[in-house]
N, C-alpha and C. Protein backbone atom coordinates (compact mmCIF):
# COMPACT_ATOMS: atom_id res chain seq x y z
N MET A 1 23.46 22.41 -8.08
CA MET A 1 23.40 23.76 -7.61
C MET A 1 23.91 23.84 -6.19
N ALA A 2 24.75 24.75 -5.89
CA ALA A 2 25.30 24.90 -4.55
C ALA A 2 24.35 25.72 -3.69
N SER A 3 24.37 25.44 -2.40
CA SER A 3 23.55 26.16 -1.45
C SER A 3 24.15 27.54 -1.23
N ALA A 4 23.32 28.54 -1.09
CA ALA A 4 23.80 29.92 -0.98
C ALA A 4 24.04 30.30 0.47
N GLY A 5 25.19 29.98 1.03
CA GLY A 5 25.59 30.47 2.34
C GLY A 5 24.95 29.80 3.54
N HIS A 6 24.21 28.75 3.35
CA HIS A 6 23.60 28.07 4.49
C HIS A 6 24.55 27.02 5.03
N ALA A 7 24.60 26.90 6.33
CA ALA A 7 25.41 25.85 6.94
C ALA A 7 24.65 24.54 6.77
N ILE A 8 24.74 23.68 7.70
CA ILE A 8 24.04 22.41 7.62
C ILE A 8 22.57 22.66 7.87
N ARG A 9 21.74 22.10 7.03
CA ARG A 9 20.30 22.28 7.20
C ARG A 9 19.84 21.67 8.50
N GLY A 10 18.95 22.32 9.20
CA GLY A 10 18.37 21.80 10.43
C GLY A 10 19.20 22.08 11.66
N SER A 11 20.34 22.75 11.53
CA SER A 11 21.12 23.09 12.72
C SER A 11 21.04 24.58 12.95
N ARG A 12 21.38 24.97 14.16
CA ARG A 12 21.38 26.40 14.46
C ARG A 12 22.78 26.81 14.91
N VAL A 13 23.07 28.06 14.84
CA VAL A 13 24.38 28.54 15.24
C VAL A 13 24.54 28.33 16.74
N GLY A 14 25.66 27.79 17.16
CA GLY A 14 25.93 27.59 18.58
C GLY A 14 25.44 26.25 19.11
N ALA A 15 24.85 25.42 18.25
CA ALA A 15 24.37 24.13 18.70
C ALA A 15 25.56 23.21 18.97
N GLY A 16 25.54 22.54 20.09
CA GLY A 16 26.63 21.64 20.46
C GLY A 16 26.31 20.22 20.00
N PRO A 17 27.03 19.28 20.52
CA PRO A 17 26.73 17.89 20.17
C PRO A 17 25.29 17.55 20.55
N MET A 18 24.62 16.84 19.66
CA MET A 18 23.19 16.61 19.84
C MET A 18 22.91 15.70 21.03
N GLY A 19 22.16 16.19 21.99
CA GLY A 19 21.63 15.40 23.08
C GLY A 19 22.60 15.03 24.18
N GLU A 20 23.81 15.52 24.16
CA GLU A 20 24.78 15.12 25.19
C GLU A 20 24.30 15.52 26.58
N GLN A 21 23.81 16.74 26.76
CA GLN A 21 23.39 17.19 28.08
C GLN A 21 22.12 16.49 28.54
N GLU A 22 21.20 16.20 27.62
CA GLU A 22 19.93 15.59 28.01
C GLU A 22 20.08 14.14 28.43
N ARG A 23 21.03 13.43 27.85
CA ARG A 23 21.16 12.00 28.11
C ARG A 23 21.91 11.70 29.40
N GLY A 24 22.75 12.54 29.87
CA GLY A 24 23.50 12.27 31.07
C GLY A 24 24.75 11.45 30.78
N VAL A 25 25.27 10.85 31.82
CA VAL A 25 26.51 10.08 31.71
C VAL A 25 26.17 8.66 31.23
N PRO A 26 26.87 8.17 30.21
CA PRO A 26 26.58 6.80 29.74
C PRO A 26 27.01 5.76 30.78
N ALA A 27 26.29 4.66 30.81
CA ALA A 27 26.61 3.56 31.74
C ALA A 27 27.93 2.92 31.32
N PRO A 28 28.70 2.44 32.29
CA PRO A 28 29.95 1.75 31.92
C PRO A 28 29.65 0.47 31.13
N ARG A 29 30.50 0.21 30.15
CA ARG A 29 30.27 -0.93 29.26
C ARG A 29 31.53 -1.76 29.13
N ASN A 30 31.33 -3.04 28.84
CA ASN A 30 32.42 -3.97 28.52
C ASN A 30 32.20 -4.49 27.11
N GLN A 31 33.27 -4.54 26.33
CA GLN A 31 33.19 -5.16 25.01
C GLN A 31 33.73 -6.57 25.12
N VAL A 32 32.99 -7.52 24.54
CA VAL A 32 33.38 -8.92 24.58
C VAL A 32 33.58 -9.39 23.14
N SER A 33 34.69 -10.09 22.89
CA SER A 33 34.97 -10.60 21.55
C SER A 33 34.38 -12.00 21.38
N TYR A 34 33.77 -12.20 20.23
CA TYR A 34 33.21 -13.51 19.84
C TYR A 34 33.73 -13.84 18.46
N TRP A 35 34.05 -15.14 18.22
CA TRP A 35 34.53 -15.60 16.92
C TRP A 35 33.65 -16.72 16.41
N CYS A 36 33.33 -16.67 15.12
CA CYS A 36 32.52 -17.72 14.50
C CYS A 36 33.44 -18.69 13.77
N LEU A 37 32.86 -19.72 13.20
CA LEU A 37 33.61 -20.75 12.48
C LEU A 37 34.33 -20.17 11.25
N ASN A 38 33.80 -19.09 10.69
CA ASN A 38 34.42 -18.46 9.51
C ASN A 38 35.52 -17.47 9.89
N GLY A 39 35.83 -17.33 11.19
CA GLY A 39 36.90 -16.44 11.63
C GLY A 39 36.48 -14.99 11.81
N HIS A 40 35.20 -14.69 11.69
CA HIS A 40 34.74 -13.32 11.89
C HIS A 40 34.75 -12.99 13.38
N GLU A 41 35.23 -11.80 13.71
CA GLU A 41 35.19 -11.35 15.11
C GLU A 41 34.08 -10.33 15.27
N THR A 42 33.30 -10.49 16.32
CA THR A 42 32.23 -9.57 16.65
C THR A 42 32.49 -9.06 18.06
N ARG A 43 32.32 -7.75 18.29
CA ARG A 43 32.59 -7.18 19.61
C ARG A 43 31.39 -6.38 20.11
N PRO A 44 30.33 -7.05 20.57
CA PRO A 44 29.19 -6.31 21.12
C PRO A 44 29.54 -5.74 22.50
N SER A 45 28.86 -4.67 22.87
CA SER A 45 29.05 -4.04 24.17
C SER A 45 27.94 -4.48 25.11
N PHE A 46 28.32 -4.72 26.37
CA PHE A 46 27.36 -5.10 27.40
C PHE A 46 27.55 -4.17 28.59
N ALA A 47 26.48 -3.95 29.33
CA ALA A 47 26.57 -3.15 30.54
C ALA A 47 27.51 -3.84 31.51
N ALA A 48 28.38 -3.06 32.14
CA ALA A 48 29.35 -3.61 33.08
C ALA A 48 28.69 -3.77 34.45
N LEU A 49 28.03 -4.90 34.65
CA LEU A 49 27.38 -5.20 35.93
C LEU A 49 28.09 -6.38 36.57
N GLU A 50 28.26 -6.33 37.88
CA GLU A 50 29.01 -7.37 38.58
C GLU A 50 28.30 -8.71 38.57
N ASP A 51 26.99 -8.72 38.68
CA ASP A 51 26.26 -9.98 38.85
C ASP A 51 25.78 -10.59 37.55
N ILE A 52 26.10 -9.98 36.41
CA ILE A 52 25.62 -10.50 35.13
C ILE A 52 26.81 -10.79 34.23
N GLU A 53 26.86 -12.03 33.72
CA GLU A 53 27.90 -12.44 32.78
C GLU A 53 27.38 -12.28 31.35
N PRO A 54 28.25 -11.94 30.39
CA PRO A 54 27.80 -11.88 29.00
C PRO A 54 27.46 -13.28 28.50
N PRO A 55 26.63 -13.41 27.48
CA PRO A 55 26.26 -14.74 26.98
C PRO A 55 27.47 -15.48 26.43
N GLU A 56 27.41 -16.82 26.52
CA GLU A 56 28.52 -17.64 26.03
C GLU A 56 28.61 -17.61 24.50
N GLN A 57 27.45 -17.49 23.82
CA GLN A 57 27.43 -17.45 22.36
C GLN A 57 26.71 -16.20 21.89
N TRP A 58 27.08 -15.79 20.67
CA TRP A 58 26.49 -14.61 20.05
C TRP A 58 26.40 -14.90 18.56
N ASP A 59 25.33 -14.51 17.91
CA ASP A 59 25.20 -14.75 16.47
C ASP A 59 26.10 -13.79 15.70
N CYS A 60 26.86 -14.33 14.75
CA CYS A 60 27.74 -13.51 13.92
C CYS A 60 26.87 -12.67 12.99
N PRO A 61 27.04 -11.35 12.98
CA PRO A 61 26.22 -10.51 12.10
C PRO A 61 26.60 -10.63 10.63
N ARG A 62 27.77 -11.19 10.32
CA ARG A 62 28.20 -11.31 8.93
C ARG A 62 27.71 -12.58 8.26
N CYS A 63 27.78 -13.71 8.97
CA CYS A 63 27.39 -14.98 8.33
C CYS A 63 26.24 -15.69 9.03
N GLY A 64 25.89 -15.26 10.24
CA GLY A 64 24.76 -15.86 10.95
C GLY A 64 25.12 -17.09 11.76
N PHE A 65 26.37 -17.56 11.68
CA PHE A 65 26.79 -18.71 12.48
C PHE A 65 26.89 -18.31 13.95
N PRO A 66 26.78 -19.27 14.86
CA PRO A 66 27.01 -18.94 16.27
C PRO A 66 28.49 -18.64 16.49
N ALA A 67 28.76 -17.70 17.38
CA ALA A 67 30.13 -17.31 17.69
C ALA A 67 30.36 -17.48 19.18
N GLY A 68 31.58 -17.92 19.53
CA GLY A 68 31.94 -18.13 20.93
C GLY A 68 33.11 -17.25 21.32
N GLN A 69 33.46 -17.27 22.61
CA GLN A 69 34.52 -16.41 23.13
C GLN A 69 35.92 -17.01 22.95
N ASP A 70 36.02 -18.26 22.56
CA ASP A 70 37.32 -18.90 22.34
C ASP A 70 37.61 -18.91 20.84
N PRO A 71 38.60 -18.12 20.38
CA PRO A 71 38.86 -18.07 18.93
C PRO A 71 39.38 -19.40 18.37
N ALA A 72 39.99 -20.24 19.21
CA ALA A 72 40.52 -21.52 18.74
C ALA A 72 39.42 -22.57 18.61
N ASN A 73 38.33 -22.41 19.34
CA ASN A 73 37.22 -23.39 19.32
C ASN A 73 35.88 -22.70 19.13
N PRO A 74 35.60 -22.16 17.95
CA PRO A 74 34.29 -21.55 17.75
C PRO A 74 33.21 -22.63 17.71
N PRO A 75 32.00 -22.31 18.14
CA PRO A 75 30.94 -23.32 18.12
C PRO A 75 30.56 -23.72 16.70
N ALA A 76 30.13 -24.96 16.57
CA ALA A 76 29.70 -25.47 15.26
C ALA A 76 28.33 -24.88 14.92
N PRO A 77 28.05 -24.71 13.64
CA PRO A 77 26.73 -24.20 13.25
C PRO A 77 25.63 -25.18 13.66
N LEU A 78 24.49 -24.63 13.97
CA LEU A 78 23.35 -25.46 14.34
C LEU A 78 22.86 -26.24 13.13
N ARG A 79 22.46 -27.45 13.38
CA ARG A 79 21.93 -28.28 12.29
C ARG A 79 20.44 -28.01 12.17
N ASN A 80 20.04 -27.55 11.02
CA ASN A 80 18.62 -27.26 10.78
C ASN A 80 17.88 -28.53 10.42
N GLU A 81 16.78 -28.74 11.10
CA GLU A 81 15.93 -29.87 10.76
C GLU A 81 15.18 -29.56 9.47
N PRO A 82 15.07 -30.53 8.57
CA PRO A 82 14.29 -30.27 7.35
C PRO A 82 12.81 -30.08 7.70
N TYR A 83 12.13 -29.38 6.83
CA TYR A 83 10.70 -29.13 7.04
C TYR A 83 9.95 -30.45 6.99
N LYS A 84 9.07 -30.65 7.96
CA LYS A 84 8.25 -31.86 7.98
C LYS A 84 6.79 -31.46 7.92
N THR A 85 6.03 -32.24 7.20
CA THR A 85 4.60 -32.00 7.13
C THR A 85 3.94 -32.57 8.39
N HIS A 86 2.69 -32.21 8.57
CA HIS A 86 1.93 -32.75 9.69
C HIS A 86 1.86 -34.28 9.60
N LEU A 87 1.69 -34.78 8.39
CA LEU A 87 1.61 -36.22 8.19
C LEU A 87 2.91 -36.91 8.60
N ALA A 88 4.05 -36.30 8.32
CA ALA A 88 5.34 -36.89 8.71
C ALA A 88 5.45 -37.00 10.22
N TYR A 89 5.00 -35.97 10.94
CA TYR A 89 5.03 -36.02 12.41
C TYR A 89 4.08 -37.10 12.93
N VAL A 90 2.91 -37.22 12.32
CA VAL A 90 1.95 -38.24 12.75
C VAL A 90 2.54 -39.63 12.53
N LYS A 91 3.20 -39.82 11.39
CA LYS A 91 3.79 -41.13 11.08
C LYS A 91 4.91 -41.49 12.05
N GLU A 92 5.59 -40.47 12.61
CA GLU A 92 6.62 -40.75 13.61
C GLU A 92 6.01 -41.27 14.90
N ARG A 93 4.81 -40.78 15.23
CA ARG A 93 4.18 -41.14 16.50
C ARG A 93 3.34 -42.40 16.41
N ARG A 94 2.84 -42.75 15.24
CA ARG A 94 1.91 -43.87 15.08
C ARG A 94 2.51 -44.96 14.21
N SER A 95 2.17 -46.21 14.56
CA SER A 95 2.57 -47.33 13.70
C SER A 95 1.53 -47.48 12.60
N ASP A 96 1.83 -48.30 11.59
CA ASP A 96 0.88 -48.55 10.51
C ASP A 96 -0.40 -49.19 11.04
N GLU A 97 -0.26 -50.06 12.05
CA GLU A 97 -1.44 -50.71 12.63
C GLU A 97 -2.33 -49.68 13.34
N ASP A 98 -1.69 -48.75 14.07
CA ASP A 98 -2.47 -47.69 14.74
C ASP A 98 -3.21 -46.84 13.71
N GLY A 99 -2.51 -46.51 12.61
CA GLY A 99 -3.13 -45.70 11.56
C GLY A 99 -4.31 -46.42 10.93
N ALA A 100 -4.17 -47.72 10.67
CA ALA A 100 -5.26 -48.49 10.07
C ALA A 100 -6.46 -48.55 11.02
N ALA A 101 -6.20 -48.72 12.33
CA ALA A 101 -7.29 -48.77 13.30
C ALA A 101 -8.02 -47.43 13.38
N LEU A 102 -7.27 -46.33 13.38
CA LEU A 102 -7.90 -45.00 13.41
C LEU A 102 -8.71 -44.73 12.15
N LEU A 103 -8.16 -45.14 11.00
CA LEU A 103 -8.89 -44.96 9.75
C LEU A 103 -10.19 -45.75 9.76
N GLU A 104 -10.13 -46.98 10.22
CA GLU A 104 -11.34 -47.81 10.27
C GLU A 104 -12.38 -47.21 11.22
N GLU A 105 -11.93 -46.67 12.33
CA GLU A 105 -12.85 -46.03 13.28
C GLU A 105 -13.51 -44.81 12.66
N ALA A 106 -12.74 -44.00 11.94
CA ALA A 106 -13.29 -42.81 11.29
C ALA A 106 -14.28 -43.21 10.20
N LEU A 107 -13.95 -44.25 9.44
CA LEU A 107 -14.87 -44.71 8.39
C LEU A 107 -16.17 -45.25 8.97
N GLU A 108 -16.10 -45.95 10.08
CA GLU A 108 -17.31 -46.44 10.74
C GLU A 108 -18.19 -45.28 11.19
N THR A 109 -17.58 -44.25 11.73
CA THR A 109 -18.33 -43.06 12.15
C THR A 109 -19.03 -42.42 10.96
N LEU A 110 -18.34 -42.29 9.83
CA LEU A 110 -18.95 -41.71 8.63
C LEU A 110 -20.09 -42.58 8.10
N ARG A 111 -19.89 -43.88 8.09
CA ARG A 111 -20.95 -44.79 7.63
C ARG A 111 -22.18 -44.68 8.52
N ALA A 112 -21.97 -44.57 9.82
CA ALA A 112 -23.10 -44.44 10.75
C ALA A 112 -23.85 -43.15 10.50
N ARG A 113 -23.13 -42.05 10.22
CA ARG A 113 -23.79 -40.77 9.92
C ARG A 113 -24.61 -40.87 8.64
N ARG A 114 -24.03 -41.51 7.62
CA ARG A 114 -24.76 -41.64 6.34
C ARG A 114 -26.03 -42.47 6.53
N GLU A 115 -25.94 -43.54 7.31
CA GLU A 115 -27.12 -44.40 7.54
C GLU A 115 -28.22 -43.64 8.25
N THR A 116 -27.85 -42.82 9.27
CA THR A 116 -28.89 -42.07 9.99
C THR A 116 -29.49 -40.97 9.11
N SER A 117 -28.65 -40.33 8.27
CA SER A 117 -29.20 -39.27 7.41
C SER A 117 -30.04 -39.88 6.28
N ALA A 118 -29.67 -41.06 5.79
CA ALA A 118 -30.44 -41.73 4.76
C ALA A 118 -31.77 -42.23 5.30
N SER A 119 -31.79 -42.66 6.54
CA SER A 119 -33.05 -43.16 7.11
C SER A 119 -34.02 -42.03 7.42
N ARG A 120 -33.53 -40.81 7.61
CA ARG A 120 -34.40 -39.65 7.85
C ARG A 120 -35.11 -39.21 6.57
N ASN A 121 -34.45 -39.40 5.43
CA ASN A 121 -35.02 -38.91 4.16
C ASN A 121 -36.01 -39.85 3.64
């Protein structure tokens, strides 16, 4: 069904561009090109400030790889570490002898608790 003579819903006659007068003059901006390993170019805008440099790398919004400012030498993707369990991290820090000593200490503590609770009953 076609609308009967109404212009765009939510607008009024004589309305100009939305918010142009309220926002003021936009800050000057610089666009910087970044290229990823897949050849995608990304051009984010940054505020044009004298004392601030744009970042050296930017994440590609298309593939997620890091992108650099040199199209001939884009940065390599980051190597993700595989998920490690808590036990894997502990094994990296402790030798088998350390683990055996800690286990024996914990078992002695448990045996001492059982002996004291058994003697109370």
